[in-house]
Amino acid sequence: MLGKITRLFVIKTRLEAFLIIYALALGAVERGSVYLERFPGLGGKLLFLACTGAVFMAGGKILDCLKFEQAERERGATTAAE
């Protein structure tokens, strides 16, 4: 039962990854807009850029990990077939 629940939190496809990245981006832009209101000027703009930049880094890492996991599965499938 616990295994079924944990599988819900595993990103399996690129579509799931893009949906998660989109959700992260929405949250980052919302948080960045709060920073722009709270800290007018250069400080708010830098914090806004930090929020959105973090999404780019996290999104890249998620997509890289998906490629790595797919390659590992293929490597394991070919090894098991031999």
PDB file of N, CA and C in Angstrom:
ATOM      1  N   MET A   1       0.824  -1.193   0.000  1.00  0.00           N
ATOM      2  CA  MET A   1       0.000   0.000   0.000  1.00  0.00           C
ATOM      3  C   MET A   1       0.871   1.261   0.000  1.00  0.00           C
ATOM      4  N   LEU A   2       1.907   1.248   0.811  1.00  0.00           N
ATOM      5  CA  LEU A   2       2.808   2.400   0.865  1.00  0.00           C
ATOM      6  C   LEU A   2       3.526   2.600  -0.465  1.00  0.00           C
ATOM      7  N   GLY A   3       3.825   1.498  -1.143  1.00  0.00           N
ATOM      8  CA  GLY A   3       4.474   1.583  -2.452  1.00  0.00           C
ATOM      9  C   GLY A   3       3.589   2.264  -3.481  1.00  0.00           C
ATOM     10  N   LYS A   4       2.290   1.997  -3.420  1.00  0.00           N
ATOM     11  CA  LYS A   4       1.357   2.632  -4.351  1.00  0.00           C
ATOM     12  C   LYS A   4       1.272   4.132  -4.099  1.00  0.00           C
ATOM     13  N   ILE A   5       1.317   4.518  -2.850  1.00  0.00           N
ATOM     14  CA  ILE A   5       1.250   5.941  -2.515  1.00  0.00           C
ATOM     15  C   ILE A   5       2.523   6.654  -2.946  1.00  0.00           C
ATOM     16  N   THR A   6       3.665   6.044  -2.738  1.00  0.00           N
ATOM     17  CA  THR A   6       4.925   6.697  -3.114  1.00  0.00           C
ATOM     18  C   THR A   6       5.062   6.829  -4.627  1.00  0.00           C
ATOM     19  N   ARG A   7       4.459   5.908  -5.391  1.00  0.00           N
ATOM     20  CA  ARG A   7       4.528   6.023  -6.855  1.00  0.00           C
ATOM     21  C   ARG A   7       3.798   7.258  -7.370  1.00  0.00           C
ATOM     22  N   LEU A   8       2.860   7.781  -6.588  1.00  0.00           N
ATOM     23  CA  LEU A   8       2.153   8.990  -6.994  1.00  0.00           C
ATOM     24  C   LEU A   8       3.076  10.206  -7.032  1.00  0.00           C
ATOM     25  N   PHE A   9       4.149  10.164  -6.255  1.00  0.00           N
ATOM     26  CA  PHE A   9       5.051  11.302  -6.137  1.00  0.00           C
ATOM     27  C   PHE A   9       6.306  11.147  -6.983  1.00  0.00           C
ATOM     28  N   VAL A  10       6.303  10.218  -7.921  1.00  0.00           N
ATOM     29  CA  VAL A  10       7.443  10.003  -8.806  1.00  0.00           C
ATOM     30  C   VAL A  10       7.102  10.569 -10.174  1.00  0.00           C
ATOM     31  N   ILE A  11       7.995  11.398 -10.708  1.00  0.00           N
ATOM     32  CA  ILE A  11       7.804  11.985 -12.034  1.00  0.00           C
ATOM     33  C   ILE A  11       8.259  10.946 -13.053  1.00  0.00           C
ATOM     34  N   LYS A  12       7.335  10.501 -13.908  1.00  0.00           N
ATOM     35  CA  LYS A  12       7.653   9.436 -14.849  1.00  0.00           C
ATOM     36  C   LYS A  12       7.808   9.918 -16.284  1.00  0.00           C
ATOM     37  N   THR A  13       7.075  10.943 -16.686  1.00  0.00           N
ATOM     38  CA  THR A  13       7.098  11.376 -18.081  1.00  0.00           C
ATOM     39  C   THR A  13       7.488  12.850 -18.178  1.00  0.00           C
ATOM     40  N   ARG A  14       7.845  13.251 -19.400  1.00  0.00           N
ATOM     41  CA  ARG A  14       8.193  14.657 -19.630  1.00  0.00           C
ATOM     42  C   ARG A  14       6.984  15.555 -19.441  1.00  0.00           C
ATOM     43  N   LEU A  15       5.791  15.063 -19.761  1.00  0.00           N
ATOM     44  CA  LEU A  15       4.586  15.860 -19.567  1.00  0.00           C
ATOM     45  C   LEU A  15       4.390  16.187 -18.088  1.00  0.00           C
ATOM     46  N   GLU A  16       4.559  15.193 -17.241  1.00  0.00           N
ATOM     47  CA  GLU A  16       4.453  15.434 -15.794  1.00  0.00           C
ATOM     48  C   GLU A  16       5.502  16.436 -15.342  1.00  0.00           C
ATOM     49  N   ALA A  17       6.702  16.321 -15.887  1.00  0.00           N
ATOM     50  CA  ALA A  17       7.778  17.242 -15.513  1.00  0.00           C
ATOM     51  C   ALA A  17       7.429  18.670 -15.918  1.00  0.00           C
ATOM     52  N   PHE A  18       6.904  18.836 -17.128  1.00  0.00           N
ATOM     53  CA  PHE A  18       6.553  20.182 -17.583  1.00  0.00           C
ATOM     54  C   PHE A  18       5.406  20.759 -16.774  1.00  0.00           C
ATOM     55  N   LEU A  19       4.464  19.931 -16.362  1.00  0.00           N
ATOM     56  CA  LEU A  19       3.367  20.420 -15.524  1.00  0.00           C
ATOM     57  C   LEU A  19       3.884  20.880 -14.162  1.00  0.00           C
ATOM     58  N   ILE A  20       4.825  20.151 -13.616  1.00  0.00           N
ATOM     59  CA  ILE A  20       5.402  20.536 -12.323  1.00  0.00           C
ATOM     60  C   ILE A  20       6.222  21.816 -12.473  1.00  0.00           C
ATOM     61  N   ILE A  21       6.986  21.919 -13.551  1.00  0.00           N
ATOM     62  CA  ILE A  21       7.770  23.128 -13.783  1.00  0.00           C
ATOM     63  C   ILE A  21       6.851  24.329 -13.963  1.00  0.00           C
ATOM     64  N   TYR A  22       5.735  24.128 -14.652  1.00  0.00           N
ATOM     65  CA  TYR A  22       4.768  25.210 -14.830  1.00  0.00           C
ATOM     66  C   TYR A  22       4.210  25.662 -13.479  1.00  0.00           C
ATOM     67  N   ALA A  23       3.873  24.709 -12.628  1.00  0.00           N
ATOM     68  CA  ALA A  23       3.357  25.060 -11.302  1.00  0.00           C
ATOM     69  C   ALA A  23       4.411  25.801 -10.480  1.00  0.00           C
ATOM     70  N   LEU A  24       5.660  25.361 -10.571  1.00  0.00           N
ATOM     71  CA  LEU A  24       6.741  26.061  -9.876  1.00  0.00           C
ATOM     72  C   LEU A  24       6.890  27.491 -10.390  1.00  0.00           C
ATOM     73  N   ALA A  25       6.766  27.653 -11.701  1.00  0.00           N
ATOM     74  CA  ALA A  25       6.899  28.982 -12.291  1.00  0.00           C
ATOM     75  C   ALA A  25       5.775  29.906 -11.847  1.00  0.00           C
ATOM     76  N   LEU A  26       4.556  29.382 -11.784  1.00  0.00           N
ATOM     77  CA  LEU A  26       3.443  30.207 -11.314  1.00  0.00           C
ATOM     78  C   LEU A  26       3.675  30.683  -9.880  1.00  0.00           C
ATOM     79  N   GLY A  27       4.126  29.786  -9.032  1.00  0.00           N
ATOM     80  CA  GLY A  27       4.412  30.154  -7.647  1.00  0.00           C
ATOM     81  C   GLY A  27       5.546  31.150  -7.538  1.00  0.00           C
ATOM     82  N   ALA A  28       6.571  30.969  -8.377  1.00  0.00           N
ATOM     83  CA  ALA A  28       7.715  31.879  -8.327  1.00  0.00           C
ATOM     84  C   ALA A  28       7.334  33.276  -8.785  1.00  0.00           C
ATOM     85  N   VAL A  29       6.513  33.371  -9.821  1.00  0.00           N
ATOM     86  CA  VAL A  29       6.093  34.683 -10.306  1.00  0.00           C
ATOM     87  C   VAL A  29       5.197  35.361  -9.275  1.00  0.00           C
ATOM     88  N   GLU A  30       4.347  34.586  -8.643  1.00  0.00           N
ATOM     89  CA  GLU A  30       3.488  35.156  -7.588  1.00  0.00           C
ATOM     90  C   GLU A  30       4.345  35.688  -6.435  1.00  0.00           C
ATOM     91  N   ARG A  31       5.309  34.885  -6.013  1.00  0.00           N
ATOM     92  CA  ARG A  31       6.187  35.321  -4.922  1.00  0.00           C
ATOM     93  C   ARG A  31       7.023  36.521  -5.354  1.00  0.00           C
ATOM     94  N   GLY A  32       7.497  36.507  -6.598  1.00  0.00           N
ATOM     95  CA  GLY A  32       8.279  37.623  -7.105  1.00  0.00           C
ATOM     96  C   GLY A  32       7.484  38.911  -7.168  1.00  0.00           C
ATOM     97  N   SER A  33       6.206  38.816  -7.511  1.00  0.00           N
ATOM     98  CA  SER A  33       5.381  40.027  -7.550  1.00  0.00           C
ATOM     99  C   SER A  33       5.182  40.596  -6.147  1.00  0.00           C
ATOM    100  N   VAL A  34       5.120  39.724  -5.159  1.00  0.00           N
ATOM    101  CA  VAL A  34       5.044  40.202  -3.766  1.00  0.00           C
ATOM    102  C   VAL A  34       6.332  40.930  -3.400  1.00  0.00           C
ATOM    103  N   TYR A  35       7.461  40.381  -3.832  1.00  0.00           N
ATOM    104  CA  TYR A  35       8.739  41.052  -3.566  1.00  0.00           C
ATOM    105  C   TYR A  35       8.792  42.422  -4.249  1.00  0.00           C
ATOM    106  N   LEU A  36       8.263  42.516  -5.470  1.00  0.00           N
ATOM    107  CA  LEU A  36       8.281  43.800  -6.173  1.00  0.00           C
ATOM    108  C   LEU A  36       7.456  44.852  -5.434  1.00  0.00           C
ATOM    109  N   GLU A  37       6.334  44.446  -4.854  1.00  0.00           N
ATOM    110  CA  GLU A  37       5.509  45.385  -4.091  1.00  0.00           C
ATOM    111  C   GLU A  37       6.148  45.749  -2.761  1.00  0.00           C
ATOM    112  N   ARG A  38       6.747  44.759  -2.126  1.00  0.00           N
ATOM    113  CA  ARG A  38       7.293  44.967  -0.787  1.00  0.00           C
ATOM    114  C   ARG A  38       8.625  45.706  -0.800  1.00  0.00           C
ATOM    115  N   PHE A  39       9.434  45.405  -1.808  1.00  0.00           N
ATOM    116  CA  PHE A  39      10.750  46.026  -1.922  1.00  0.00           C
ATOM    117  C   PHE A  39      10.846  46.741  -3.268  1.00  0.00           C
ATOM    118  N   PRO A  40      10.345  47.953  -3.369  1.00  0.00           N
ATOM    119  CA  PRO A  40      10.397  48.657  -4.656  1.00  0.00           C
ATOM    120  C   PRO A  40      11.844  48.972  -5.036  1.00  0.00           C
ATOM    121  N   GLY A  41      12.061  49.019  -6.323  1.00  0.00           N
ATOM    122  CA  GLY A  41      13.400  49.354  -6.800  1.00  0.00           C
ATOM    123  C   GLY A  41      14.203  48.131  -7.183  1.00  0.00           C
ATOM    124  N   LEU A  42      15.514  48.306  -7.139  1.00  0.00           N
ATOM    125  CA  LEU A  42      16.429  47.265  -7.593  1.00  0.00           C
ATOM    126  C   LEU A  42      16.358  46.005  -6.725  1.00  0.00           C
ATOM    127  N   GLY A  43      16.183  46.168  -5.421  1.00  0.00           N
ATOM    128  CA  GLY A  43      16.129  45.006  -4.525  1.00  0.00           C
ATOM    129  C   GLY A  43      14.976  44.073  -4.872  1.00  0.00           C
ATOM    130  N   GLY A  44      13.806  44.624  -5.120  1.00  0.00           N
ATOM    131  CA  GLY A  44      12.659  43.810  -5.487  1.00  0.00           C
ATOM    132  C   GLY A  44      12.846  43.114  -6.817  1.00  0.00           C
ATOM    133  N   LYS A  45      13.455  43.830  -7.770  1.00  0.00           N
ATOM    134  CA  LYS A  45      13.698  43.236  -9.083  1.00  0.00           C
ATOM    135  C   LYS A  45      14.697  42.081  -8.996  1.00  0.00           C
ATOM    136  N   LEU A  46      15.719  42.251  -8.166  1.00  0.00           N
ATOM    137  CA  LEU A  46      16.698  41.174  -7.998  1.00  0.00           C
ATOM    138  C   LEU A  46      16.079  39.950  -7.330  1.00  0.00           C
ATOM    139  N   LEU A  47      15.226  40.184  -6.337  1.00  0.00           N
ATOM    140  CA  LEU A  47      14.548  39.061  -5.694  1.00  0.00           C
ATOM    141  C   LEU A  47      13.587  38.365  -6.665  1.00  0.00           C
ATOM    142  N   PHE A  48      12.914  39.143  -7.514  1.00  0.00           N
ATOM    143  CA  PHE A  48      12.040  38.567  -8.528  1.00  0.00           C
ATOM    144  C   PHE A  48      12.854  37.687  -9.481  1.00  0.00           C
ATOM    145  N   LEU A  49      13.991  38.180  -9.923  1.00  0.00           N
ATOM    146  CA  LEU A  49      14.850  37.398 -10.812  1.00  0.00           C
ATOM    147  C   LEU A  49      15.382  36.140 -10.131  1.00  0.00           C
ATOM    148  N   ALA A  50      15.662  36.236  -8.836  1.00  0.00           N
ATOM    149  CA  ALA A  50      16.130  35.060  -8.101  1.00  0.00           C
ATOM    150  C   ALA A  50      15.043  33.987  -8.051  1.00  0.00           C
ATOM    151  N   CYS A  51      13.801  34.414  -7.841  1.00  0.00           N
ATOM    152  CA  CYS A  51      12.685  33.452  -7.802  1.00  0.00           C
ATOM    153  C   CYS A  51      12.529  32.741  -9.137  1.00  0.00           C
ATOM    154  N   THR A  52      12.512  33.511 -10.209  1.00  0.00           N
ATOM    155  CA  THR A  52      12.312  32.894 -11.519  1.00  0.00           C
ATOM    156  C   THR A  52      13.545  32.116 -11.970  1.00  0.00           C
ATOM    157  N   GLY A  53      14.715  32.577 -11.601  1.00  0.00           N
ATOM    158  CA  GLY A  53      15.939  31.847 -11.946  1.00  0.00           C
ATOM    159  C   GLY A  53      16.002  30.488 -11.277  1.00  0.00           C
ATOM    160  N   ALA A  54      15.483  30.403 -10.072  1.00  0.00           N
ATOM    161  CA  ALA A  54      15.462  29.114  -9.374  1.00  0.00           C
ATOM    162  C   ALA A  54      14.598  28.106 -10.115  1.00  0.00           C
ATOM    163  N   VAL A  55      13.523  28.573 -10.735  1.00  0.00           N
ATOM    164  CA  VAL A  55      12.660  27.670 -11.504  1.00  0.00           C
ATOM    165  C   VAL A  55      13.412  27.129 -12.715  1.00  0.00           C
ATOM    166  N   PHE A  56      14.187  27.976 -13.386  1.00  0.00           N
ATOM    167  CA  PHE A  56      14.972  27.508 -14.522  1.00  0.00           C
ATOM    168  C   PHE A  56      15.969  26.435 -14.101  1.00  0.00           C
ATOM    169  N   MET A  57      16.640  26.648 -12.984  1.00  0.00           N
ATOM    170  CA  MET A  57      17.609  25.655 -12.518  1.00  0.00           C
ATOM    171  C   MET A  57      16.925  24.362 -12.109  1.00  0.00           C
ATOM    172  N   ALA A  58      15.818  24.465 -11.384  1.00  0.00           N
ATOM    173  CA  ALA A  58      15.104  23.262 -10.948  1.00  0.00           C
ATOM    174  C   ALA A  58      14.510  22.526 -12.139  1.00  0.00           C
ATOM    175  N   GLY A  59      13.964  23.261 -13.092  1.00  0.00           N
ATOM    176  CA  GLY A  59      13.387  22.632 -14.278  1.00  0.00           C
ATOM    177  C   GLY A  59      14.426  21.886 -15.088  1.00  0.00           C
ATOM    178  N   GLY A  60      15.576  22.485 -15.254  1.00  0.00           N
ATOM    179  CA  GLY A  60      16.660  21.810 -15.962  1.00  0.00           C
ATOM    180  C   GLY A  60      17.094  20.544 -15.264  1.00  0.00           C
ATOM    181  N   LYS A  61      17.177  20.604 -13.965  1.00  0.00           N
ATOM    182  CA  LYS A  61      17.592  19.430 -13.187  1.00  0.00           C
ATOM    183  C   LYS A  61      16.551  18.320 -13.286  1.00  0.00           C
ATOM    184  N   ILE A  62      15.281  18.670 -13.228  1.00  0.00           N
ATOM    185  CA  ILE A  62      14.212  17.675 -13.341  1.00  0.00           C
ATOM    186  C   ILE A  62      14.284  16.977 -14.697  1.00  0.00           C
ATOM    187  N   LEU A  63      14.436  17.759 -15.770  1.00  0.00           N
ATOM    188  CA  LEU A  63      14.493  17.177 -17.107  1.00  0.00           C
ATOM    189  C   LEU A  63      15.752  16.333 -17.300  1.00  0.00           C
ATOM    190  N   ASP A  64      16.883  16.767 -16.747  1.00  0.00           N
ATOM    191  CA  ASP A  64      18.109  15.971 -16.834  1.00  0.00           C
ATOM    192  C   ASP A  64      17.959  14.647 -16.096  1.00  0.00           C
ATOM    193  N   CYS A  65      17.321  14.679 -14.945  1.00  0.00           N
ATOM    194  CA  CYS A  65      17.136  13.454 -14.168  1.00  0.00           C
ATOM    195  C   CYS A  65      16.215  12.480 -14.893  1.00  0.00           C
ATOM    196  N   LEU A  66      15.209  13.000 -15.585  1.00  0.00           N
ATOM    197  CA  LEU A  66      14.331  12.122 -16.361  1.00  0.00           C
ATOM    198  C   LEU A  66      15.104  11.418 -17.467  1.00  0.00           C
ATOM    199  N   LYS A  67      15.971  12.158 -18.153  1.00  0.00           N
ATOM    200  CA  LYS A  67      16.791  11.542 -19.206  1.00  0.00           C
ATOM    201  C   LYS A  67      17.705  10.477 -18.619  1.00  0.00           C
ATOM    202  N   PHE A  68      18.310  10.772 -17.489  1.00  0.00           N
ATOM    203  CA  PHE A  68      19.205   9.823 -16.842  1.00  0.00           C
ATOM    204  C   PHE A  68      18.456   8.564 -16.419  1.00  0.00           C
ATOM    205  N   GLU A  69      17.290   8.724 -15.809  1.00  0.00           N
ATOM    206  CA  GLU A  69      16.522   7.565 -15.362  1.00  0.00           C
ATOM    207  C   GLU A  69      16.042   6.725 -16.533  1.00  0.00           C
ATOM    208  N   GLN A  70      15.664   7.371 -17.637  1.00  0.00           N
ATOM    209  CA  GLN A  70      15.240   6.634 -18.819  1.00  0.00           C
ATOM    210  C   GLN A  70      16.411   5.836 -19.400  1.00  0.00           C
ATOM    211  N   ALA A  71      17.588   6.432 -19.437  1.00  0.00           N
ATOM    212  CA  ALA A  71      18.769   5.729 -19.942  1.00  0.00           C
ATOM    213  C   ALA A  71      19.117   4.550 -19.043  1.00  0.00           C
ATOM    214  N   GLU A  72      18.973   4.716 -17.738  1.00  0.00           N
ATOM    215  CA  GLU A  72      19.247   3.624 -16.809  1.00  0.00           C
ATOM    216  C   GLU A  72      18.252   2.478 -16.993  1.00  0.00           C
ATOM    217  N   ARG A  73      16.981   2.818 -17.199  1.00  0.00           N
ATOM    218  CA  ARG A  73      15.982   1.771 -17.429  1.00  0.00           C
ATOM    219  C   ARG A  73      16.281   1.006 -18.711  1.00  0.00           C
ATOM    220  N   GLU A  74      16.659   1.731 -19.767  1.00  0.00           N
ATOM    221  CA  GLU A  74      16.997   1.070 -21.026  1.00  0.00           C
ATOM    222  C   GLU A  74      18.237   0.210 -20.878  1.00  0.00           C
ATOM    223  N   ARG A  75      19.218   0.700 -20.150  1.00  0.00           N
ATOM    224  CA  ARG A  75      20.442  -0.070 -19.923  1.00  0.00           C
ATOM    225  C   ARG A  75      20.133  -1.326 -19.115  1.00  0.00           C
ATOM    226  N   GLY A  76      19.262  -1.204 -18.123  1.00  0.00           N
ATOM    227  CA  GLY A  76      18.870  -2.355 -17.323  1.00  0.00           C
ATOM    228  C   GLY A  76      18.065  -3.361 -18.123  1.00  0.00           C
ATOM    229  N   ALA A  77      17.237  -2.875 -19.040  1.00  0.00           N
ATOM    230  CA  ALA A  77      16.431  -3.778 -19.873  1.00  0.00           C
ATOM    231  C   ALA A  77      17.310  -4.545 -20.847  1.00  0.00           C
ATOM    232  N   THR A  78      18.320  -3.888 -21.398  1.00  0.00           N
ATOM    233  CA  THR A  78      19.199  -4.594 -22.326  1.00  0.00           C
ATOM    234  C   THR A  78      20.106  -5.571 -21.588  1.00  0.00           C
ATOM    235  N   THR A  79      20.499  -5.233 -20.375  1.00  0.00           N
ATOM    236  CA  THR A  79      21.329  -6.133 -19.586  1.00  0.00           C
ATOM    237  C   THR A  79      20.524  -7.359 -19.171  1.00  0.00           C
ATOM    238  N   ALA A  80      19.261  -7.164 -18.804  1.00  0.00           N
ATOM    239  CA  ALA A  80      18.422  -8.298 -18.401  1.00  0.00           C
ATOM    240  C   ALA A  80      18.094  -9.189 -19.580  1.00  0.00           C
ATOM    241  N   ALA A  81      18.030  -8.624 -20.785  1.00  0.00           N
ATOM    242  CA  ALA A  81      17.708  -9.421 -21.976  1.00  0.00           C
ATOM    243  C   ALA A  81      18.873 -10.306 -22.386  1.00  0.00           C
ATOM    244  N   GLU A  82      20.078  -9.913 -22.023  1.00  0.00           N
ATOM    245  CA  GLU A  82      21.256 -10.697 -22.420  1.00  0.00           C
ATOM    246  C   GLU A  82      21.452 -11.850 -21.553  1.00  0.00           C
TER     247      GLU A  82
END
